[in-house]
Amino acid sequence: MEFDEYVRLRGDRLVRLARLLVRDRHLAEDLVQEVLGRAYVRWDRVSRADDIDVYVRRMLVNRHISWRRRRSSTEVAIDPSATHLDRAGLGDIGTETAERDAAWQLIAELAPKQRATLVLRYYEDLDDATIAQILQCSQVTVRSQAMRALATLRRRLAEVPALRKDATR
C-alpha cells in the first residue's frame, strides 16, 4: 500500500484515535500530522511491517506519551465537541452530556498508557494482542493496565456525587 492511499483510507481513524487520547481536536490533528510525517520518511520500513495499522498506531501512542512527558503544565485543553464522540442515549441530553464530560475528565486524569489502553480497547474495539503490539508490551500488561485504569475510574467515580447517583441504578 502506498503512503497516500494509507492516509486517505486511515487518516480519519488516526485523527479520531488521537482525539480520544489528547481530548483536543487541534492537538490531535497536530499529533497525527507529526506521526504521518515521521511515517512518510520511513514508509519503506513501515509498509513492510506485518500490520501497518498496528505500526502507525504504535507510533501515534508513543508520540502522544512523549508529548505528555514534555508538557510543562498539567492543564488539559478540552474540546467541547469531544463529548459528542459517542452516540447520545435516549435520556435527558443535558444530563447525559454533563455525565459524559465528567467521565471524560476522569479518563483524562489517567496515566497515558492506561488511557491509551482504554481508548484502544473500548473505542477502537481492539483485542488485547493488538493493543499489546501497539503499546509494545505483553497481553498481561494490557490487561493489568486496563484493570488498574478501571479501578481508578471506579474509585474516582465514587468520589463524584453527580455520577455516583447514576452508577447505583
C-alpha atoms as a PDB file:
ATOM      1  CA  MET A   1       0.000   0.000   0.000  1.00  0.00           C
ATOM      2  CA  GLU A   2       1.316   3.429  -0.898  1.00  0.00           C
ATOM      3  CA  PHE A   3       1.535   6.193   1.697  1.00  0.00           C
ATOM      4  CA  ASP A   4      -1.086   8.413   0.010  1.00  0.00           C
ATOM      5  CA  GLU A   5      -3.549   5.544  -0.141  1.00  0.00           C
ATOM      6  CA  TYR A   6      -2.951   4.678   3.514  1.00  0.00           C
ATOM      7  CA  VAL A   7      -3.554   8.268   4.637  1.00  0.00           C
ATOM      8  CA  ARG A   8      -6.696   8.524   2.515  1.00  0.00           C
ATOM      9  CA  LEU A   9      -8.092   5.263   3.918  1.00  0.00           C
ATOM     10  CA  ARG A  10      -6.955   5.503   7.557  1.00  0.00           C
ATOM     11  CA  GLY A  11      -6.343   9.197   8.223  1.00  0.00           C
ATOM     12  CA  ASP A  12      -9.747   9.892   9.782  1.00  0.00           C
ATOM     13  CA  ARG A  13      -9.437   6.915  12.153  1.00  0.00           C
ATOM     14  CA  LEU A  14      -5.983   8.069  13.229  1.00  0.00           C
ATOM     15  CA  VAL A  15      -7.327  11.552  13.990  1.00  0.00           C
ATOM     16  CA  ARG A  16     -10.208  10.022  15.967  1.00  0.00           C
ATOM     17  CA  LEU A  17      -7.798   7.886  17.981  1.00  0.00           C
ATOM     18  CA  ALA A  18      -5.550  10.888  18.631  1.00  0.00           C
ATOM     19  CA  ARG A  19      -8.554  12.981  19.579  1.00  0.00           C
ATOM     20  CA  LEU A  20      -9.595  10.426  22.159  1.00  0.00           C
ATOM     21  CA  LEU A  21      -6.062  10.388  23.545  1.00  0.00           C
ATOM     22  CA  VAL A  22      -5.427  14.140  23.751  1.00  0.00           C
ATOM     23  CA  ARG A  23      -9.021  15.436  24.077  1.00  0.00           C
ATOM     24  CA  ASP A  24      -8.339  18.370  21.772  1.00  0.00           C
ATOM     25  CA  ARG A  25      -9.130  18.355  18.067  1.00  0.00           C
ATOM     26  CA  HIS A  26      -6.312  20.681  17.074  1.00  0.00           C
ATOM     27  CA  LEU A  27      -3.672  18.891  19.131  1.00  0.00           C
ATOM     28  CA  ALA A  28      -4.939  15.593  17.744  1.00  0.00           C
ATOM     29  CA  GLU A  29      -4.535  16.832  14.187  1.00  0.00           C
ATOM     30  CA  ASP A  30      -1.040  18.100  15.019  1.00  0.00           C
ATOM     31  CA  LEU A  31      -0.151  14.771  16.588  1.00  0.00           C
ATOM     32  CA  VAL A  32      -1.363  12.794  13.567  1.00  0.00           C
ATOM     33  CA  GLN A  33       0.388  15.152  11.180  1.00  0.00           C
ATOM     34  CA  GLU A  34       3.655  14.729  13.064  1.00  0.00           C
ATOM     35  CA  VAL A  35       3.299  10.941  13.177  1.00  0.00           C
ATOM     36  CA  LEU A  36       2.399  10.720   9.498  1.00  0.00           C
ATOM     37  CA  GLY A  37       5.374  12.943   8.669  1.00  0.00           C
ATOM     38  CA  ARG A  38       7.640  10.526  10.510  1.00  0.00           C
ATOM     39  CA  ALA A  39       5.924   7.557   8.843  1.00  0.00           C
ATOM     40  CA  TYR A  40       6.347   9.093   5.388  1.00  0.00           C
ATOM     41  CA  VAL A  41      10.094   9.400   5.840  1.00  0.00           C
ATOM     42  CA  ARG A  42      10.256   5.723   6.873  1.00  0.00           C
ATOM     43  CA  TRP A  43       7.439   4.457   4.655  1.00  0.00           C
ATOM     44  CA  ASP A  44       9.562   1.749   3.047  1.00  0.00           C
ATOM     45  CA  ARG A  45      10.092   0.226   6.509  1.00  0.00           C
ATOM     46  CA  VAL A  46       6.552   0.958   7.737  1.00  0.00           C
ATOM     47  CA  SER A  47       4.956  -0.634   4.659  1.00  0.00           C
ATOM     48  CA  ARG A  48       6.956  -3.838   5.230  1.00  0.00           C
ATOM     49  CA  ALA A  49       5.508  -4.266   8.731  1.00  0.00           C
ATOM     50  CA  ASP A  50       3.234  -7.238   9.335  1.00  0.00           C
ATOM     51  CA  ASP A  51       0.365  -4.883  10.146  1.00  0.00           C
ATOM     52  CA  ILE A  52       0.748  -1.270   9.020  1.00  0.00           C
ATOM     53  CA  ASP A  53      -2.162  -0.121  11.215  1.00  0.00           C
ATOM     54  CA  VAL A  54      -0.534  -1.539  14.343  1.00  0.00           C
ATOM     55  CA  TYR A  55       2.788   0.068  13.434  1.00  0.00           C
ATOM     56  CA  VAL A  56       1.298   3.521  12.828  1.00  0.00           C
ATOM     57  CA  ARG A  57      -0.966   3.335  15.886  1.00  0.00           C
ATOM     58  CA  ARG A  58       2.087   2.402  17.968  1.00  0.00           C
ATOM     59  CA  MET A  59       3.863   5.473  16.562  1.00  0.00           C
ATOM     60  CA  LEU A  60       0.832   7.585  17.466  1.00  0.00           C
ATOM     61  CA  VAL A  61       0.506   6.291  21.023  1.00  0.00           C
ATOM     62  CA  ASN A  62       4.261   6.566  21.646  1.00  0.00           C
ATOM     63  CA  ARG A  63       4.316  10.122  20.311  1.00  0.00           C
ATOM     64  CA  HIS A  64       1.322  11.013  22.499  1.00  0.00           C
ATOM     65  CA  ILE A  65       3.095   9.655  25.568  1.00  0.00           C
ATOM     66  CA  SER A  66       6.209  11.643  24.642  1.00  0.00           C
ATOM     67  CA  TRP A  67       4.115  14.783  24.268  1.00  0.00           C
ATOM     68  CA  ARG A  68       2.598  14.254  27.705  1.00  0.00           C
ATOM     69  CA  ARG A  69       6.041  13.900  29.253  1.00  0.00           C
ATOM     70  CA  ARG A  70       7.223  17.145  27.694  1.00  0.00           C
ATOM     71  CA  ARG A  71       4.248  19.242  28.723  1.00  0.00           C
ATOM     72  CA  SER A  72       5.197  21.854  31.255  1.00  0.00           C
ATOM     73  CA  SER A  73       1.656  22.148  32.529  1.00  0.00           C
ATOM     74  CA  THR A  74      -0.797  19.553  33.738  1.00  0.00           C
ATOM     75  CA  GLU A  75      -3.650  21.614  32.322  1.00  0.00           C
ATOM     76  CA  VAL A  76      -5.656  19.677  29.752  1.00  0.00           C
ATOM     77  CA  ALA A  77      -7.473  21.523  26.997  1.00  0.00           C
ATOM     78  CA  ILE A  78     -10.985  20.263  26.444  1.00  0.00           C
ATOM     79  CA  ASP A  79     -12.694  20.339  23.095  1.00  0.00           C
ATOM     80  CA  PRO A  80     -16.408  20.765  23.818  1.00  0.00           C
ATOM     81  CA  SER A  81     -17.309  18.719  20.742  1.00  0.00           C
ATOM     82  CA  ALA A  82     -15.229  15.801  22.099  1.00  0.00           C
ATOM     83  CA  THR A  83     -18.073  14.995  24.458  1.00  0.00           C
ATOM     84  CA  HIS A  84     -20.161  14.004  21.450  1.00  0.00           C
ATOM     85  CA  LEU A  85     -17.819  11.296  20.204  1.00  0.00           C
ATOM     86  CA  ASP A  86     -20.223   8.537  21.092  1.00  0.00           C
ATOM     87  CA  ARG A  87     -23.919   8.248  20.417  1.00  0.00           C
ATOM     88  CA  ALA A  88     -26.370  10.110  22.595  1.00  0.00           C
ATOM     89  CA  GLY A  89     -28.756   7.960  24.587  1.00  0.00           C
ATOM     90  CA  LEU A  90     -32.480   8.331  24.902  1.00  0.00           C
ATOM     91  CA  GLY A  91     -32.439  10.221  28.231  1.00  0.00           C
ATOM     92  CA  ASP A  92     -32.007  13.889  29.020  1.00  0.00           C
ATOM     93  CA  ILE A  93     -29.340  15.199  26.655  1.00  0.00           C
ATOM     94  CA  GLY A  94     -28.124  17.860  29.083  1.00  0.00           C
ATOM     95  CA  THR A  95     -27.640  15.377  31.909  1.00  0.00           C
ATOM     96  CA  GLU A  96     -26.013  12.828  29.636  1.00  0.00           C
ATOM     97  CA  THR A  97     -23.649  15.439  28.231  1.00  0.00           C
ATOM     98  CA  ALA A  98     -22.647  16.571  31.713  1.00  0.00           C
ATOM     99  CA  GLU A  99     -22.119  12.970  32.833  1.00  0.00           C
ATOM    100  CA  ARG A 100     -20.129  12.117  29.709  1.00  0.00           C
ATOM    101  CA  ASP A 101     -17.983  15.214  30.184  1.00  0.00           C
ATOM    102  CA  ALA A 102     -17.364  14.317  33.822  1.00  0.00           C
ATOM    103  CA  ALA A 103     -16.447  10.764  32.801  1.00  0.00           C
ATOM    104  CA  TRP A 104     -14.034  12.076  30.166  1.00  0.00           C
ATOM    105  CA  GLN A 105     -12.485  14.344  32.791  1.00  0.00           C
ATOM    106  CA  LEU A 106     -11.815  11.246  34.893  1.00  0.00           C
ATOM    107  CA  ILE A 107     -10.373   9.393  31.894  1.00  0.00           C
ATOM    108  CA  ALA A 108      -8.179  12.393  31.045  1.00  0.00           C
ATOM    109  CA  GLU A 109      -6.587  12.166  34.502  1.00  0.00           C
ATOM    110  CA  LEU A 110      -5.415   8.590  33.938  1.00  0.00           C
ATOM    111  CA  ALA A 111      -1.800   7.802  33.199  1.00  0.00           C
ATOM    112  CA  PRO A 112      -1.128   7.975  29.425  1.00  0.00           C
ATOM    113  CA  LYS A 113      -0.687   4.214  28.927  1.00  0.00           C
ATOM    114  CA  GLN A 114      -3.819   3.441  30.934  1.00  0.00           C
ATOM    115  CA  ARG A 115      -5.824   5.948  28.907  1.00  0.00           C
ATOM    116  CA  ALA A 116      -4.382   4.571  25.658  1.00  0.00           C
ATOM    117  CA  THR A 117      -5.301   1.047  26.747  1.00  0.00           C
ATOM    118  CA  LEU A 118      -8.919   2.011  27.442  1.00  0.00           C
ATOM    119  CA  VAL A 119      -9.257   4.007  24.226  1.00  0.00           C
ATOM    120  CA  LEU A 120      -7.780   1.212  22.123  1.00  0.00           C
ATOM    121  CA  ARG A 121      -9.943  -1.409  23.831  1.00  0.00           C
ATOM    122  CA  TYR A 122     -13.298   0.328  24.120  1.00  0.00           C
ATOM    123  CA  TYR A 123     -13.284   2.907  21.316  1.00  0.00           C
ATOM    124  CA  GLU A 124     -11.086   1.260  18.713  1.00  0.00           C
ATOM    125  CA  ASP A 125     -12.508  -2.171  19.700  1.00  0.00           C
ATOM    126  CA  LEU A 126      -9.108  -3.865  19.503  1.00  0.00           C
ATOM    127  CA  ASP A 127      -8.216  -7.146  21.169  1.00  0.00           C
ATOM    128  CA  ASP A 128      -5.507  -7.487  23.822  1.00  0.00           C
ATOM    129  CA  ALA A 129      -2.985  -8.928  21.361  1.00  0.00           C
ATOM    130  CA  THR A 130      -3.270  -5.942  19.013  1.00  0.00           C
ATOM    131  CA  ILE A 131      -3.166  -3.461  21.881  1.00  0.00           C
ATOM    132  CA  ALA A 132      -0.054  -5.215  23.196  1.00  0.00           C
ATOM    133  CA  GLN A 133       1.587  -4.810  19.788  1.00  0.00           C
ATOM    134  CA  ILE A 134       0.685  -1.120  19.663  1.00  0.00           C
ATOM    135  CA  LEU A 135       1.879  -0.403  23.209  1.00  0.00           C
ATOM    136  CA  GLN A 136       4.867  -2.742  22.838  1.00  0.00           C
ATOM    137  CA  CYS A 137       4.077  -4.732  25.923  1.00  0.00           C
ATOM    138  CA  SER A 138       2.665  -8.126  26.828  1.00  0.00           C
ATOM    139  CA  GLN A 139      -1.023  -9.001  26.795  1.00  0.00           C
ATOM    140  CA  VAL A 140      -0.821  -9.438  30.560  1.00  0.00           C
ATOM    141  CA  THR A 141       0.380  -5.839  30.856  1.00  0.00           C
ATOM    142  CA  VAL A 142      -2.526  -4.690  28.688  1.00  0.00           C
ATOM    143  CA  ARG A 143      -4.983  -6.461  30.962  1.00  0.00           C
ATOM    144  CA  SER A 144      -3.336  -5.106  34.114  1.00  0.00           C
ATOM    145  CA  GLN A 145      -3.271  -1.555  32.672  1.00  0.00           C
ATOM    146  CA  ALA A 146      -6.972  -1.857  31.845  1.00  0.00           C
ATOM    147  CA  MET A 147      -7.748  -3.317  35.266  1.00  0.00           C
ATOM    148  CA  ARG A 148      -5.863  -0.520  37.049  1.00  0.00           C
ATOM    149  CA  ALA A 149      -7.462   2.148  34.869  1.00  0.00           C
ATOM    150  CA  LEU A 150     -10.954   0.811  35.514  1.00  0.00           C
ATOM    151  CA  ALA A 151     -10.248   0.504  39.255  1.00  0.00           C
ATOM    152  CA  THR A 152      -9.046   4.111  39.312  1.00  0.00           C
ATOM    153  CA  LEU A 153     -12.138   5.235  37.397  1.00  0.00           C
ATOM    154  CA  ARG A 154     -14.428   3.340  39.782  1.00  0.00           C
ATOM    155  CA  ARG A 155     -12.694   4.873  42.794  1.00  0.00           C
ATOM    156  CA  ARG A 156     -12.873   8.380  41.350  1.00  0.00           C
ATOM    157  CA  LEU A 157     -16.438   7.827  40.186  1.00  0.00           C
ATOM    158  CA  ALA A 158     -17.431   7.086  43.771  1.00  0.00           C
ATOM    159  CA  GLU A 159     -15.996  10.486  44.712  1.00  0.00           C
ATOM    160  CA  VAL A 160     -18.121  12.416  42.170  1.00  0.00           C
ATOM    161  CA  PRO A 161     -21.611  12.884  43.660  1.00  0.00           C
ATOM    162  CA  ALA A 162     -23.426  13.613  40.371  1.00  0.00           C
ATOM    163  CA  LEU A 163     -22.129  10.438  38.758  1.00  0.00           C
ATOM    164  CA  ARG A 164     -22.408   8.245  41.844  1.00  0.00           C
ATOM    165  CA  LYS A 165     -26.202   8.519  41.783  1.00  0.00           C
ATOM    166  CA  ASP A 166     -26.366   7.089  38.226  1.00  0.00           C
ATOM    167  CA  ALA A 167     -23.782   4.401  38.912  1.00  0.00           C
ATOM    168  CA  THR A 168     -26.022   2.864  41.571  1.00  0.00           C
ATOM    169  CA  ARG A 169     -29.056   2.487  39.296  1.00  0.00           C
END
